[in-house]
Amino acid sequence: MTLGELLADPVRVVQDSDTVLEIENRPTRRAAITAGGILFAVAMALAAIADGAIGTGIMVIVVTALVGWMILGETIQLTQLRLDRRADQAHLRVTGLKGRNEQTLRLSTLQRAETRTRYGKHAGRATVQLYLVGSAGDGPGETAVPMGRADPEDVIRLATLITDWLGRPQPGARP
């Protein structure tokens, strides 16, 4: 297992039926690793305080709290996507430490899901992003589905799954 695989967010399909497709991205592993690092830094600061370096210990606790909160705010986000044929809705909910964002789209306007690769400044720092593509008014509409730092292979697999699910015949529809 590589470091990237260890830090990848677990993406799972909660429900896959003819009428409903529900996908969830929970960053539990990433949150546990981050929280462990924060607790380790606080333990080191408390050890420094116990050893007599009170100023250094307090400074480490303050810096750890600020940096830890910023890191947790950026990395911890729960993404839920529910496609429901009966309600003709695609409901996207993203919950993080800074609040919740919800977006509802008409399922009948969605055509497919696709992935795009965004490259970082350093080699090997590519991020695969998931988009829902459909028609919106007079041109194609796109909606980004935040997947955090999910494994790129999982994101590609989900895009294929969503596109295949959108292409399935609707239950009760005539062939």
Protein backbone atom coordinates (compact mmCIF):
# COMPACT_ATOMS: atom_id res chain seq x y z
CA MET A 1 0.00 0.00 0.00
CA THR A 2 1.40 3.38 -1.01
CA LEU A 3 0.98 6.61 0.95
CA GLY A 4 -1.51 7.85 -1.64
CA GLU A 5 -3.62 4.72 -1.25
CA LEU A 6 -3.49 5.05 2.53
CA LEU A 7 -4.69 8.65 2.43
CA ALA A 8 -7.35 8.10 -0.27
CA ASP A 9 -10.91 8.67 0.85
CA PRO A 10 -13.18 5.63 0.77
CA VAL A 11 -15.84 6.02 -1.90
CA ARG A 12 -18.78 3.64 -1.79
CA VAL A 13 -22.06 2.97 -3.53
CA VAL A 14 -24.79 2.96 -0.88
CA GLN A 15 -27.68 1.97 -3.14
CA ASP A 16 -27.83 0.88 -6.76
CA SER A 17 -31.28 0.00 -8.07
CA ASP A 18 -33.25 0.83 -11.19
CA THR A 19 -34.84 3.86 -9.51
CA VAL A 20 -32.13 5.11 -7.12
CA LEU A 21 -28.35 5.42 -7.24
CA GLU A 22 -26.70 6.76 -4.10
CA ILE A 23 -22.97 7.38 -3.73
CA GLU A 24 -21.09 8.49 -0.63
CA ASN A 25 -17.56 9.71 0.03
CA ARG A 26 -16.60 9.58 3.74
CA PRO A 27 -13.10 10.74 4.68
CA THR A 28 -12.89 8.68 7.89
CA ARG A 29 -9.36 7.37 7.31
CA ARG A 30 -8.05 10.82 6.45
CA ALA A 31 -9.77 12.33 9.50
CA ALA A 32 -8.33 9.66 11.79
CA ILE A 33 -4.80 10.22 10.50
CA THR A 34 -5.12 14.00 10.85
CA ALA A 35 -6.60 13.74 14.35
CA GLY A 36 -3.81 11.33 15.34
CA GLY A 37 -1.19 13.81 14.16
CA ILE A 38 -2.85 16.61 16.12
CA LEU A 39 -3.04 14.49 19.28
CA PHE A 40 0.61 13.50 18.88
CA ALA A 41 1.67 17.17 18.62
CA VAL A 42 -0.41 18.08 21.68
CA ALA A 43 1.13 15.18 23.64
CA MET A 44 4.60 16.44 22.72
CA ALA A 45 3.63 19.96 23.84
CA LEU A 46 2.31 18.65 27.17
CA ALA A 47 5.54 16.71 27.65
CA ALA A 48 7.50 19.92 27.02
CA ILE A 49 5.35 21.76 29.59
CA ALA A 50 5.91 18.98 32.12
CA ASP A 51 9.65 19.21 31.46
CA GLY A 52 9.64 22.93 32.24
CA ALA A 53 9.47 24.47 28.75
CA ILE A 54 6.10 26.11 29.40
CA GLY A 55 6.38 28.81 26.74
CA THR A 56 7.41 26.34 24.06
CA GLY A 57 4.65 23.91 25.04
CA ILE A 58 1.96 26.57 24.94
CA MET A 59 3.23 27.84 21.59
CA VAL A 60 3.15 24.33 20.12
CA ILE A 61 -0.43 23.82 21.38
CA VAL A 62 -1.59 27.12 19.85
CA VAL A 63 0.10 26.48 16.51
CA THR A 64 -1.18 22.89 16.45
CA ALA A 65 -4.73 24.06 17.13
CA LEU A 66 -4.65 26.67 14.36
CA VAL A 67 -2.94 24.53 11.75
CA GLY A 68 -4.98 21.45 12.73
CA TRP A 69 -8.27 23.35 12.34
CA MET A 70 -7.22 24.63 8.90
CA ILE A 71 -6.16 21.16 7.74
CA LEU A 72 -9.33 19.52 9.08
CA GLY A 73 -11.46 22.23 7.44
CA GLU A 74 -9.90 21.51 4.05
CA THR A 75 -9.75 17.73 4.18
CA ILE A 76 -12.89 16.69 6.04
CA GLN A 77 -15.94 16.76 3.83
CA LEU A 78 -18.71 14.22 3.41
CA THR A 79 -20.10 14.08 -0.11
CA GLN A 80 -23.44 12.40 -0.83
CA LEU A 81 -24.94 12.12 -4.31
CA ARG A 82 -28.42 10.65 -4.75
CA LEU A 83 -29.95 10.13 -8.19
CA ASP A 84 -33.67 9.40 -7.96
CA ARG A 85 -35.71 8.62 -11.09
CA ARG A 86 -39.10 8.80 -9.37
CA ALA A 87 -38.49 12.32 -8.07
CA ASP A 88 -36.54 13.32 -11.22
CA GLN A 89 -33.81 14.70 -8.99
CA ALA A 90 -30.09 14.53 -8.55
CA HIS A 91 -29.40 15.69 -5.00
CA LEU A 92 -25.83 16.65 -4.07
CA ARG A 93 -24.96 17.32 -0.43
CA VAL A 94 -21.49 18.31 0.78
CA THR A 95 -21.00 18.58 4.54
CA GLY A 96 -17.81 19.89 6.11
CA LEU A 97 -16.61 21.59 9.26
CA LYS A 98 -17.60 24.94 7.79
CA GLY A 99 -21.21 24.01 7.01
CA ARG A 100 -23.35 22.19 4.50
CA ASN A 101 -24.01 22.91 0.82
CA GLU A 102 -26.89 21.28 -1.00
CA GLN A 103 -27.77 21.37 -4.66
CA THR A 104 -30.65 19.74 -6.49
CA LEU A 105 -30.67 19.18 -10.26
CA ARG A 106 -33.31 17.76 -12.57
CA LEU A 107 -32.29 14.23 -13.39
CA SER A 108 -33.96 14.36 -16.81
CA THR A 109 -31.47 17.05 -17.95
CA LEU A 110 -28.39 15.00 -17.01
CA GLN A 111 -26.69 13.13 -19.82
CA ARG A 112 -23.53 11.67 -18.32
CA ALA A 113 -20.80 11.91 -15.71
CA GLU A 114 -17.25 12.60 -16.72
CA THR A 115 -13.88 13.01 -15.10
CA ARG A 116 -11.27 15.69 -15.58
CA THR A 117 -7.70 15.63 -14.42
CA ARG A 118 -6.28 18.76 -12.83
CA TYR A 119 -2.52 18.83 -12.51
CA GLY A 120 -0.70 20.45 -9.60
CA LYS A 121 2.58 22.33 -9.58
CA HIS A 122 4.64 19.25 -8.72
CA ALA A 123 4.91 16.04 -10.70
CA GLY A 124 2.54 13.34 -9.56
CA ARG A 125 0.08 15.73 -7.91
CA ALA A 126 -2.82 15.20 -10.27
CA THR A 127 -6.39 15.34 -8.99
CA VAL A 128 -9.26 13.63 -10.80
CA GLN A 129 -12.53 15.55 -10.50
CA LEU A 130 -16.06 14.28 -11.16
CA TYR A 131 -18.60 16.34 -13.12
CA LEU A 132 -22.27 15.78 -13.91
CA VAL A 133 -22.92 16.98 -17.46
CA GLY A 134 -26.32 17.83 -18.84
CA SER A 135 -28.25 20.40 -20.77
CA ALA A 136 -28.95 23.72 -19.08
CA GLY A 137 -30.89 26.21 -21.16
CA ASP A 138 -29.10 26.88 -24.43
CA GLY A 139 -25.79 25.11 -23.66
CA PRO A 140 -24.35 22.18 -21.79
CA GLY A 141 -24.42 22.55 -18.01
CA GLU A 142 -21.84 21.09 -15.67
CA THR A 143 -21.90 20.49 -11.96
CA ALA A 144 -18.75 19.61 -10.06
CA VAL A 145 -19.09 16.83 -7.50
CA PRO A 146 -16.46 17.40 -4.79
CA MET A 147 -14.76 14.09 -4.04
CA GLY A 148 -12.02 15.33 -1.72
CA ARG A 149 -8.88 13.30 -2.25
CA ALA A 150 -10.54 10.13 -3.43
CA ASP A 151 -8.55 7.56 -5.34
CA PRO A 152 -8.55 8.54 -9.06
CA GLU A 153 -9.50 4.99 -10.07
CA ASP A 154 -12.57 5.17 -7.78
CA VAL A 155 -13.62 8.49 -9.33
CA ILE A 156 -13.29 7.08 -12.85
CA ARG A 157 -15.24 3.96 -11.81
CA LEU A 158 -18.01 6.18 -10.35
CA ALA A 159 -18.23 8.27 -13.51
CA THR A 160 -18.71 5.08 -15.53
CA LEU A 161 -21.29 3.78 -13.04
CA ILE A 162 -23.30 7.04 -13.11
CA THR A 163 -23.21 7.24 -16.91
CA ASP A 164 -24.32 3.61 -17.23
CA TRP A 165 -27.09 4.16 -14.65
CA LEU A 166 -28.34 7.24 -16.51
CA GLY A 167 -28.42 5.18 -19.72
CA ARG A 168 -30.49 2.36 -18.22
CA PRO A 169 -34.09 2.17 -19.39
CA GLN A 170 -36.49 3.57 -16.83
CA PRO A 171 -38.70 1.08 -15.03
CA GLY A 172 -42.10 0.92 -16.64
CA ALA A 173 -40.89 2.69 -19.80
CA ARG A 174 -41.57 1.22 -23.20
CA PRO A 175 -38.52 -0.09 -25.08
